[in-house]
Amino acid sequence: MAAQRVAAAAAPTLAEIRAWPATVSVRKAATALGCSGSHLYTLIKRGESPVRTLAYGTRRVVITASLVTLLEGA
């Protein structure tokens, strides 16, 4: 039960997400989407990601504006 409360408290608000830098890690974006980082990585690899990403070598980052747009429902 305590773990559920911690997980719910860790979810960022839309206002907090708007204040994030231009790009964020896949794991950080996953917390905003309410899924695991591994699930979002899988979607990215399949080309089914709901948010735009950029590749830097082997690293992926999520474009925060894309995340905000998705969460606003626009």
Foldseek 3Di string as FASTA:
>chain_A
DVVVVVLVVPADDLVVLVPDPQKAALQNLCSPVVHGSVVQVVCVVVVNHQFDWDDDPPGIITGSVRSSCVVVVD
